[in-house]
Amino acid sequence: MSDFRIERDEASAPFFDAAREGRLLVRRCDACDALYPPAQATCPAGHELAWVGVAGTATLVTWTVDQGASISPELAAADGSGDVLGIVELDEGLWLHAALPGVDPAALKAGQSMKVEFLALGGGEPVPVFVPAG
């Protein structure tokens, strides 16, 4: 197991400040009002993107179990079989890649309601992960 940690820099500080408060931020282009993942800095037309809060609720699109070496024990499936990784569609329409920690992959269903939680992997900055809602 590695000592994997997420660390902030100046560009990511607003994202991690919000994450510490339990709020999920994504990016929005003020010119076209489209949403983008947090790591994206400009839209395809070259416009700078602003941080914007989203509800943190989503629908599971698809998932897989990575049975290779885990980057962090906090990400393991409920049975320890590996990391469950998925794609969720936020209620606002943006698709995000995300870890689905502590879930039973056999119990997941496409279209399932999900909600964001935050994990500080290796004691670093909190990162968004998604778990079944309710």
N, C-alpha and C. Protein backbone atom coordinates (compact mmCIF):
# COMPACT_ATOMS: atom_id res chain seq x y z
N MET A 1 0.85 -1.18 0.00
CA MET A 1 0.00 0.00 0.00
C MET A 1 0.89 1.23 0.00
N SER A 2 0.57 2.18 -0.83
CA SER A 2 1.38 3.39 -0.90
C SER A 2 0.87 4.43 0.10
N ASP A 3 1.67 5.46 0.27
CA ASP A 3 1.29 6.58 1.13
C ASP A 3 0.67 7.66 0.25
N PHE A 4 -0.43 7.36 -0.39
CA PHE A 4 -1.08 8.26 -1.32
C PHE A 4 -1.77 9.39 -0.58
N ARG A 5 -1.51 10.62 -0.99
CA ARG A 5 -2.13 11.81 -0.40
C ARG A 5 -2.45 12.79 -1.51
N ILE A 6 -3.54 13.49 -1.35
CA ILE A 6 -3.88 14.59 -2.24
C ILE A 6 -3.45 15.88 -1.55
N GLU A 7 -2.74 16.72 -2.26
CA GLU A 7 -2.29 18.00 -1.71
C GLU A 7 -2.84 19.13 -2.58
N ARG A 8 -3.14 20.25 -1.95
CA ARG A 8 -3.67 21.42 -2.66
C ARG A 8 -2.54 22.25 -3.25
N ASP A 9 -2.90 23.06 -4.23
CA ASP A 9 -2.04 24.13 -4.72
C ASP A 9 -2.93 25.37 -4.81
N GLU A 10 -2.38 26.45 -5.30
CA GLU A 10 -3.16 27.69 -5.35
C GLU A 10 -4.41 27.56 -6.21
N ALA A 11 -4.28 26.86 -7.35
CA ALA A 11 -5.41 26.72 -8.26
C ALA A 11 -6.53 25.85 -7.68
N SER A 12 -6.17 24.86 -6.86
CA SER A 12 -7.18 23.94 -6.32
C SER A 12 -7.70 24.36 -4.94
N ALA A 13 -7.15 25.40 -4.35
CA ALA A 13 -7.53 25.80 -2.99
C ALA A 13 -9.04 26.02 -2.82
N PRO A 14 -9.72 26.73 -3.74
CA PRO A 14 -11.18 26.90 -3.55
C PRO A 14 -11.93 25.56 -3.50
N PHE A 15 -11.51 24.62 -4.35
CA PHE A 15 -12.14 23.30 -4.38
C PHE A 15 -11.99 22.60 -3.03
N PHE A 16 -10.77 22.58 -2.50
CA PHE A 16 -10.51 21.88 -1.25
C PHE A 16 -11.08 22.61 -0.04
N ASP A 17 -11.13 23.93 -0.08
CA ASP A 17 -11.79 24.68 1.00
C ASP A 17 -13.26 24.28 1.09
N ALA A 18 -13.93 24.20 -0.06
CA ALA A 18 -15.34 23.80 -0.10
C ALA A 18 -15.49 22.34 0.35
N ALA A 19 -14.59 21.47 -0.10
CA ALA A 19 -14.65 20.05 0.27
C ALA A 19 -14.55 19.89 1.78
N ARG A 20 -13.69 20.67 2.43
CA ARG A 20 -13.57 20.60 3.89
C ARG A 20 -14.87 20.98 4.58
N GLU A 21 -15.70 21.78 3.90
CA GLU A 21 -17.01 22.18 4.43
C GLU A 21 -18.12 21.24 3.97
N GLY A 22 -17.77 20.17 3.22
CA GLY A 22 -18.76 19.22 2.74
C GLY A 22 -19.52 19.68 1.51
N ARG A 23 -18.93 20.62 0.76
CA ARG A 23 -19.58 21.14 -0.45
C ARG A 23 -18.77 20.74 -1.68
N LEU A 24 -19.47 20.31 -2.73
CA LEU A 24 -18.84 19.93 -3.98
C LEU A 24 -18.87 21.10 -4.96
N LEU A 25 -17.69 21.45 -5.48
CA LEU A 25 -17.59 22.48 -6.51
C LEU A 25 -17.19 21.85 -7.83
N VAL A 26 -17.73 22.38 -8.91
CA VAL A 26 -17.32 22.04 -10.27
C VAL A 26 -17.01 23.37 -10.97
N ARG A 27 -16.75 23.31 -12.25
CA ARG A 27 -16.43 24.52 -13.01
C ARG A 27 -17.57 24.87 -13.96
N ARG A 28 -17.76 26.18 -14.19
CA ARG A 28 -18.78 26.64 -15.13
C ARG A 28 -18.18 27.74 -16.00
N CYS A 29 -18.55 27.67 -17.29
CA CYS A 29 -18.17 28.72 -18.22
C CYS A 29 -19.25 29.79 -18.19
N ASP A 30 -18.87 31.01 -17.78
CA ASP A 30 -19.85 32.10 -17.73
C ASP A 30 -20.33 32.50 -19.12
N ALA A 31 -19.52 32.24 -20.15
CA ALA A 31 -19.90 32.61 -21.52
C ALA A 31 -20.99 31.71 -22.09
N CYS A 32 -20.90 30.41 -21.82
CA CYS A 32 -21.89 29.48 -22.40
C CYS A 32 -22.72 28.75 -21.35
N ASP A 33 -22.41 28.93 -20.06
CA ASP A 33 -23.13 28.34 -18.94
C ASP A 33 -23.00 26.81 -18.86
N ALA A 34 -22.00 26.24 -19.55
CA ALA A 34 -21.78 24.79 -19.48
C ALA A 34 -20.96 24.45 -18.25
N LEU A 35 -21.18 23.24 -17.69
CA LEU A 35 -20.44 22.76 -16.54
C LEU A 35 -19.30 21.85 -16.98
N TYR A 36 -18.21 21.88 -16.20
CA TYR A 36 -17.02 21.08 -16.48
C TYR A 36 -16.48 20.48 -15.19
N PRO A 37 -15.68 19.41 -15.28
CA PRO A 37 -15.10 18.80 -14.08
C PRO A 37 -14.17 19.77 -13.35
N PRO A 38 -13.93 19.53 -12.07
CA PRO A 38 -13.12 20.44 -11.27
C PRO A 38 -11.71 20.68 -11.79
N ALA A 39 -11.09 19.71 -12.42
CA ALA A 39 -9.71 19.87 -12.88
C ALA A 39 -9.57 20.70 -14.15
N GLN A 40 -10.66 20.96 -14.82
CA GLN A 40 -10.61 21.71 -16.08
C GLN A 40 -10.55 23.21 -15.80
N ALA A 41 -9.64 23.93 -16.48
CA ALA A 41 -9.46 25.35 -16.21
C ALA A 41 -10.09 26.26 -17.26
N THR A 42 -10.23 25.74 -18.50
CA THR A 42 -10.83 26.53 -19.57
C THR A 42 -11.81 25.67 -20.35
N CYS A 43 -12.79 26.32 -20.99
CA CYS A 43 -13.74 25.59 -21.83
C CYS A 43 -13.09 25.37 -23.20
N PRO A 44 -13.68 24.56 -24.06
CA PRO A 44 -13.09 24.33 -25.39
C PRO A 44 -12.90 25.61 -26.20
N ALA A 45 -13.68 26.65 -25.92
CA ALA A 45 -13.53 27.92 -26.64
C ALA A 45 -12.44 28.80 -26.01
N GLY A 46 -11.82 28.33 -24.92
CA GLY A 46 -10.73 29.06 -24.30
C GLY A 46 -11.13 30.01 -23.19
N HIS A 47 -12.40 30.03 -22.81
CA HIS A 47 -12.84 30.89 -21.71
C HIS A 47 -12.40 30.32 -20.37
N GLU A 48 -12.02 31.20 -19.45
CA GLU A 48 -11.71 30.80 -18.09
C GLU A 48 -12.98 30.29 -17.42
N LEU A 49 -12.84 29.33 -16.52
CA LEU A 49 -13.98 28.74 -15.83
C LEU A 49 -14.03 29.20 -14.39
N ALA A 50 -15.24 29.40 -13.89
CA ALA A 50 -15.47 29.82 -12.50
C ALA A 50 -15.87 28.61 -11.67
N TRP A 51 -15.57 28.65 -10.37
CA TRP A 51 -16.04 27.63 -9.44
C TRP A 51 -17.51 27.86 -9.15
N VAL A 52 -18.29 26.77 -9.09
CA VAL A 52 -19.72 26.86 -8.77
C VAL A 52 -20.10 25.63 -7.95
N GLY A 53 -20.94 25.83 -6.95
CA GLY A 53 -21.40 24.72 -6.13
C GLY A 53 -22.50 23.93 -6.80
N VAL A 54 -22.54 22.63 -6.54
CA VAL A 54 -23.61 21.76 -7.02
C VAL A 54 -24.18 21.01 -5.83
N ALA A 55 -25.32 20.37 -6.04
CA ALA A 55 -26.05 19.73 -4.94
C ALA A 55 -25.31 18.54 -4.33
N GLY A 56 -24.48 17.85 -5.12
CA GLY A 56 -23.78 16.68 -4.59
C GLY A 56 -24.61 15.41 -4.67
N THR A 57 -25.71 15.47 -5.38
CA THR A 57 -26.53 14.27 -5.61
C THR A 57 -26.40 13.88 -7.08
N ALA A 58 -26.50 12.58 -7.34
CA ALA A 58 -26.20 12.08 -8.67
C ALA A 58 -26.91 10.76 -8.93
N THR A 59 -26.78 10.30 -10.15
CA THR A 59 -27.29 9.01 -10.58
C THR A 59 -26.11 8.19 -11.07
N LEU A 60 -26.04 6.94 -10.66
CA LEU A 60 -24.97 6.05 -11.10
C LEU A 60 -25.19 5.67 -12.56
N VAL A 61 -24.17 5.90 -13.38
CA VAL A 61 -24.24 5.55 -14.80
C VAL A 61 -23.64 4.17 -15.02
N THR A 62 -22.41 3.96 -14.54
CA THR A 62 -21.74 2.67 -14.70
C THR A 62 -20.63 2.56 -13.66
N TRP A 63 -20.06 1.36 -13.49
CA TRP A 63 -19.02 1.14 -12.51
C TRP A 63 -18.21 -0.09 -12.89
N THR A 64 -17.05 -0.22 -12.25
CA THR A 64 -16.19 -1.37 -12.42
C THR A 64 -15.43 -1.59 -11.12
N VAL A 65 -14.89 -2.79 -10.94
CA VAL A 65 -14.05 -3.09 -9.78
C VAL A 65 -12.62 -3.22 -10.28
N ASP A 66 -11.73 -2.39 -9.75
CA ASP A 66 -10.30 -2.47 -10.05
C ASP A 66 -9.68 -3.37 -9.00
N GLN A 67 -9.29 -4.56 -9.42
CA GLN A 67 -8.76 -5.53 -8.46
C GLN A 67 -7.24 -5.47 -8.35
N GLY A 68 -6.66 -4.42 -8.92
CA GLY A 68 -5.22 -4.21 -8.77
C GLY A 68 -4.91 -3.62 -7.42
N ALA A 69 -3.68 -3.21 -7.27
CA ALA A 69 -3.25 -2.62 -5.99
C ALA A 69 -3.99 -1.30 -5.77
N SER A 70 -4.58 -1.16 -4.61
CA SER A 70 -5.32 0.05 -4.25
C SER A 70 -4.36 1.18 -3.94
N ILE A 71 -4.75 2.41 -4.29
CA ILE A 71 -3.93 3.56 -3.94
C ILE A 71 -4.16 3.99 -2.50
N SER A 72 -5.29 3.57 -1.91
CA SER A 72 -5.61 3.97 -0.55
C SER A 72 -6.62 2.99 0.04
N PRO A 73 -6.41 2.51 1.26
CA PRO A 73 -7.34 1.54 1.84
C PRO A 73 -8.75 2.08 2.03
N GLU A 74 -8.91 3.39 2.13
CA GLU A 74 -10.24 3.99 2.31
C GLU A 74 -11.15 3.76 1.09
N LEU A 75 -10.57 3.41 -0.05
CA LEU A 75 -11.35 3.27 -1.28
C LEU A 75 -11.87 1.86 -1.52
N ALA A 76 -11.52 0.91 -0.69
CA ALA A 76 -11.86 -0.49 -0.92
C ALA A 76 -13.36 -0.74 -0.92
N ALA A 77 -13.76 -1.75 -1.69
CA ALA A 77 -15.14 -2.23 -1.69
C ALA A 77 -15.47 -2.80 -0.31
N ALA A 78 -16.74 -3.00 -0.04
CA ALA A 78 -17.19 -3.51 1.26
C ALA A 78 -16.53 -4.85 1.60
N ASP A 79 -16.31 -5.69 0.59
CA ASP A 79 -15.71 -7.01 0.84
C ASP A 79 -14.20 -7.01 0.67
N GLY A 80 -13.61 -5.83 0.41
CA GLY A 80 -12.17 -5.73 0.25
C GLY A 80 -11.65 -6.25 -1.07
N SER A 81 -12.55 -6.53 -2.03
CA SER A 81 -12.15 -7.13 -3.30
C SER A 81 -11.41 -6.18 -4.23
N GLY A 82 -11.40 -4.92 -3.96
CA GLY A 82 -10.73 -3.96 -4.82
C GLY A 82 -11.43 -2.62 -4.72
N ASP A 83 -10.98 -1.67 -5.51
CA ASP A 83 -11.60 -0.35 -5.54
C ASP A 83 -12.74 -0.34 -6.54
N VAL A 84 -13.89 0.20 -6.15
CA VAL A 84 -15.01 0.35 -7.07
C VAL A 84 -14.95 1.76 -7.62
N LEU A 85 -14.88 1.86 -8.93
CA LEU A 85 -14.79 3.14 -9.62
C LEU A 85 -16.01 3.28 -10.51
N GLY A 86 -16.55 4.48 -10.59
CA GLY A 86 -17.76 4.66 -11.37
C GLY A 86 -17.82 5.98 -12.08
N ILE A 87 -18.86 6.11 -12.86
CA ILE A 87 -19.23 7.37 -13.49
C ILE A 87 -20.61 7.71 -12.96
N VAL A 88 -20.73 8.91 -12.43
CA VAL A 88 -22.02 9.39 -11.93
C VAL A 88 -22.43 10.62 -12.73
N GLU A 89 -23.72 10.78 -12.89
CA GLU A 89 -24.26 11.98 -13.53
C GLU A 89 -24.86 12.85 -12.43
N LEU A 90 -24.23 14.01 -12.20
CA LEU A 90 -24.77 14.94 -11.22
C LEU A 90 -26.17 15.36 -11.61
N ASP A 91 -26.98 15.74 -10.64
CA ASP A 91 -28.34 16.21 -10.93
C ASP A 91 -28.31 17.39 -11.90
N GLU A 92 -27.20 18.13 -11.92
CA GLU A 92 -27.06 19.28 -12.82
C GLU A 92 -26.66 18.87 -14.23
N GLY A 93 -26.42 17.55 -14.47
CA GLY A 93 -26.15 17.05 -15.81
C GLY A 93 -24.71 16.68 -16.11
N LEU A 94 -23.75 17.13 -15.33
CA LEU A 94 -22.34 16.83 -15.56
C LEU A 94 -22.01 15.41 -15.14
N TRP A 95 -21.24 14.71 -15.95
CA TRP A 95 -20.77 13.38 -15.60
C TRP A 95 -19.40 13.50 -14.94
N LEU A 96 -19.17 12.77 -13.84
CA LEU A 96 -17.89 12.75 -13.15
C LEU A 96 -17.43 11.31 -12.94
N HIS A 97 -16.12 11.10 -13.04
CA HIS A 97 -15.51 9.84 -12.62
C HIS A 97 -15.34 9.93 -11.11
N ALA A 98 -15.62 8.85 -10.40
CA ALA A 98 -15.53 8.91 -8.94
C ALA A 98 -15.30 7.53 -8.35
N ALA A 99 -14.65 7.50 -7.20
CA ALA A 99 -14.54 6.28 -6.42
C ALA A 99 -15.87 6.07 -5.70
N LEU A 100 -16.22 4.80 -5.51
CA LEU A 100 -17.45 4.41 -4.80
C LEU A 100 -17.03 3.51 -3.63
N PRO A 101 -16.44 4.09 -2.58
CA PRO A 101 -15.86 3.28 -1.51
C PRO A 101 -16.90 2.61 -0.61
N GLY A 102 -16.50 1.44 -0.09
CA GLY A 102 -17.31 0.75 0.89
C GLY A 102 -18.60 0.16 0.38
N VAL A 103 -18.78 0.11 -0.94
CA VAL A 103 -20.02 -0.44 -1.49
C VAL A 103 -19.86 -1.91 -1.82
N ASP A 104 -20.98 -2.61 -1.94
CA ASP A 104 -21.01 -3.97 -2.46
C ASP A 104 -21.27 -3.84 -3.95
N PRO A 105 -20.28 -4.11 -4.80
CA PRO A 105 -20.49 -3.90 -6.23
C PRO A 105 -21.66 -4.70 -6.81
N ALA A 106 -21.97 -5.85 -6.21
CA ALA A 106 -23.07 -6.67 -6.70
C ALA A 106 -24.42 -6.02 -6.41
N ALA A 107 -24.48 -5.10 -5.47
CA ALA A 107 -25.73 -4.44 -5.11
C ALA A 107 -25.96 -3.15 -5.90
N LEU A 108 -24.98 -2.71 -6.68
CA LEU A 108 -25.15 -1.47 -7.46
C LEU A 108 -26.04 -1.70 -8.66
N LYS A 109 -26.75 -0.64 -9.06
CA LYS A 109 -27.63 -0.70 -10.23
C LYS A 109 -27.52 0.60 -11.00
N ALA A 110 -27.45 0.50 -12.32
CA ALA A 110 -27.47 1.71 -13.14
C ALA A 110 -28.75 2.47 -12.82
N GLY A 111 -28.64 3.78 -12.69
CA GLY A 111 -29.79 4.61 -12.34
C GLY A 111 -29.98 4.81 -10.85
N GLN A 112 -29.15 4.16 -10.05
CA GLN A 112 -29.24 4.26 -8.59
C GLN A 112 -28.89 5.68 -8.14
N SER A 113 -29.60 6.17 -7.13
CA SER A 113 -29.33 7.49 -6.56
C SER A 113 -28.06 7.42 -5.72
N MET A 114 -27.20 8.43 -5.90
CA MET A 114 -25.94 8.50 -5.19
C MET A 114 -25.81 9.88 -4.54
N LYS A 115 -24.94 9.97 -3.55
CA LYS A 115 -24.67 11.26 -2.91
C LYS A 115 -23.17 11.37 -2.67
N VAL A 116 -22.70 12.60 -2.63
CA VAL A 116 -21.27 12.84 -2.42
C VAL A 116 -20.93 12.75 -0.94
N GLU A 117 -19.76 12.22 -0.68
CA GLU A 117 -19.12 12.28 0.63
C GLU A 117 -17.67 12.66 0.35
N PHE A 118 -16.93 13.00 1.38
CA PHE A 118 -15.54 13.41 1.20
C PHE A 118 -14.63 12.58 2.07
N LEU A 119 -13.53 12.09 1.48
CA LEU A 119 -12.54 11.30 2.20
C LEU A 119 -11.19 11.98 2.08
N ALA A 120 -10.47 12.07 3.18
CA ALA A 120 -9.11 12.60 3.19
C ALA A 120 -8.15 11.42 3.08
N LEU A 121 -7.84 11.03 1.87
CA LEU A 121 -7.00 9.87 1.63
C LEU A 121 -5.60 10.09 2.19
N GLY A 122 -5.14 9.17 3.02
CA GLY A 122 -3.82 9.28 3.62
C GLY A 122 -3.64 10.52 4.47
N GLY A 123 -4.73 11.12 4.92
CA GLY A 123 -4.65 12.32 5.73
C GLY A 123 -4.45 13.59 4.93
N GLY A 124 -4.53 13.50 3.60
CA GLY A 124 -4.38 14.68 2.75
C GLY A 124 -5.69 15.43 2.63
N GLU A 125 -5.82 16.19 1.55
CA GLU A 125 -7.03 16.97 1.32
C GLU A 125 -8.23 16.04 1.07
N PRO A 126 -9.44 16.46 1.47
CA PRO A 126 -10.62 15.63 1.23
C PRO A 126 -11.00 15.62 -0.25
N VAL A 127 -11.31 14.44 -0.74
CA VAL A 127 -11.72 14.30 -2.13
C VAL A 127 -13.15 13.77 -2.19
N PRO A 128 -13.90 14.16 -3.23
CA PRO A 128 -15.27 13.65 -3.34
C PRO A 128 -15.30 12.20 -3.79
N VAL A 129 -16.16 11.45 -3.15
CA VAL A 129 -16.48 10.08 -3.52
C VAL A 129 -18.00 9.98 -3.49
N PHE A 130 -18.55 8.96 -4.10
CA PHE A 130 -20.01 8.82 -4.12
C PHE A 130 -20.42 7.49 -3.50
N VAL A 131 -21.51 7.54 -2.74
CA VAL A 131 -22.07 6.36 -2.07
C VAL A 131 -23.57 6.35 -2.35
N PRO A 132 -24.20 5.17 -2.22
CA PRO A 132 -25.64 5.12 -2.43
C PRO A 132 -26.37 6.08 -1.48
N ALA A 133 -27.36 6.75 -2.01
CA ALA A 133 -28.18 7.68 -1.22
C ALA A 133 -29.31 6.89 -0.58
N GLY A 134 -29.37 6.94 0.72
CA GLY A 134 -30.47 6.28 1.43
C GLY A 134 -30.33 4.86 1.50
